[in-house]
Protein backbone atom coordinates (compact mmCIF):
# COMPACT_ATOMS: atom_id res chain seq x y z
CA MET A 1 0.00 0.00 0.00
CA GLU A 2 1.37 3.39 -0.96
CA GLU A 3 1.85 6.20 1.58
CA SER A 4 -1.03 8.19 0.07
CA GLU A 5 -3.36 5.18 0.30
CA LYS A 6 -2.88 4.60 4.04
CA LYS A 7 -5.99 5.14 6.13
CA ILE A 8 -5.13 7.37 9.04
CA ILE A 9 -7.37 7.14 12.08
CA LEU A 10 -7.36 9.88 14.67
CA LEU A 11 -8.12 8.76 18.19
CA GLU A 12 -10.38 11.04 20.18
CA SER A 13 -7.99 10.69 23.15
CA ASP A 14 -5.12 12.01 21.00
CA ILE A 15 -7.17 15.03 19.94
CA ILE A 16 -8.16 15.75 23.54
CA LYS A 17 -4.45 15.71 24.48
CA LEU A 18 -3.66 18.02 21.55
CA LEU A 19 -6.39 20.44 22.62
CA GLU A 20 -5.15 20.44 26.22
CA VAL A 21 -1.60 21.21 25.07
CA ALA A 22 -2.88 23.96 22.76
CA LYS A 23 -4.83 25.47 25.65
CA LYS A 24 -1.72 25.50 27.87
CA ASN A 25 0.16 27.22 25.04
CA ARG A 26 -2.51 29.94 24.99
CA THR A 27 -4.10 28.88 21.72
CA SER A 28 -7.69 30.00 22.14
CA LYS A 29 -9.57 29.02 18.97
CA ILE A 30 -9.81 25.89 16.87
CA GLY A 31 -9.07 28.01 13.79
CA GLU A 32 -5.70 29.01 15.27
CA LEU A 33 -4.84 25.37 15.85
CA LEU A 34 -5.86 24.44 12.30
CA GLY A 35 -3.75 27.33 10.99
CA MET A 36 -0.70 26.00 12.82
CA LYS A 37 -1.30 22.50 11.48
CA TYR A 38 -1.67 23.93 7.97
CA LEU A 39 1.73 25.60 8.27
CA ASP A 40 3.17 22.28 9.51
CA LYS A 41 1.84 20.73 6.30
CA LEU A 42 4.08 23.05 4.29
CA LEU A 43 7.23 22.16 6.23
CA PRO A 44 9.28 18.95 6.11
CA ARG A 45 8.04 16.26 8.50
CA ILE A 46 9.77 16.02 11.85
CA LYS A 47 10.63 12.61 13.23
CA GLY A 48 8.13 11.56 15.88
CA GLU A 49 5.24 13.65 14.54
CA PRO A 50 1.89 11.89 14.30
CA ASP A 51 0.95 10.45 10.89
CA TRP A 52 -2.02 12.78 10.68
CA GLY A 53 -1.91 16.46 9.86
CA TYR A 54 -4.10 19.38 8.86
CA ASP A 55 -6.41 17.46 6.51
CA GLU A 56 -7.18 14.72 9.00
CA LEU A 57 -7.59 17.17 11.89
CA GLU A 58 -9.97 19.36 9.88
CA LYS A 59 -12.02 16.28 8.93
CA PHE A 60 -12.10 15.10 12.56
CA PHE A 61 -13.41 18.46 13.74
CA LYS A 62 -16.10 18.51 11.04
CA GLU A 63 -17.21 14.97 11.91
CA HIS A 64 -17.53 15.98 15.56
CA GLY A 65 -19.39 19.22 14.87
CA ILE A 66 -16.52 21.45 15.98
CA GLU A 67 -16.29 24.77 14.12
CA SER A 68 -13.10 26.76 13.60
CA SER A 69 -14.65 29.74 15.42
CA GLU A 70 -15.09 27.72 18.62
CA THR A 71 -12.74 27.95 21.56
CA ILE A 72 -10.54 25.10 22.71
CA ASP A 73 -12.75 24.80 25.82
CA GLU A 74 -15.89 24.50 23.68
CA ALA A 75 -14.27 21.76 21.62
CA LEU A 76 -13.12 19.91 24.73
CA THR A 77 -16.65 20.11 26.14
CA LYS A 78 -18.10 18.62 22.95
CA LEU A 79 -15.57 15.78 22.95
CA ASN A 80 -15.91 15.04 26.65
CA LYS A 81 -19.70 14.69 26.34
CA ARG A 82 -19.31 11.66 24.08
């Protein structure tokens, strides 16, 4: 299977950890986080980074009803209610 054909699955627990780290780093909105991941997409991959990036994160947020205008706390609340 080619690299581009791999199915990447994001775990909700990984996203919750990411949101908690973003909150500690004073990222306040989901859109800011997506913007940072988009910039990461343009840079060479760093060893140890997760297999998923901007595209997968954006899809995850859409699937979970999380809008880019929402705060990190709002997103965490939505995910923790599941």
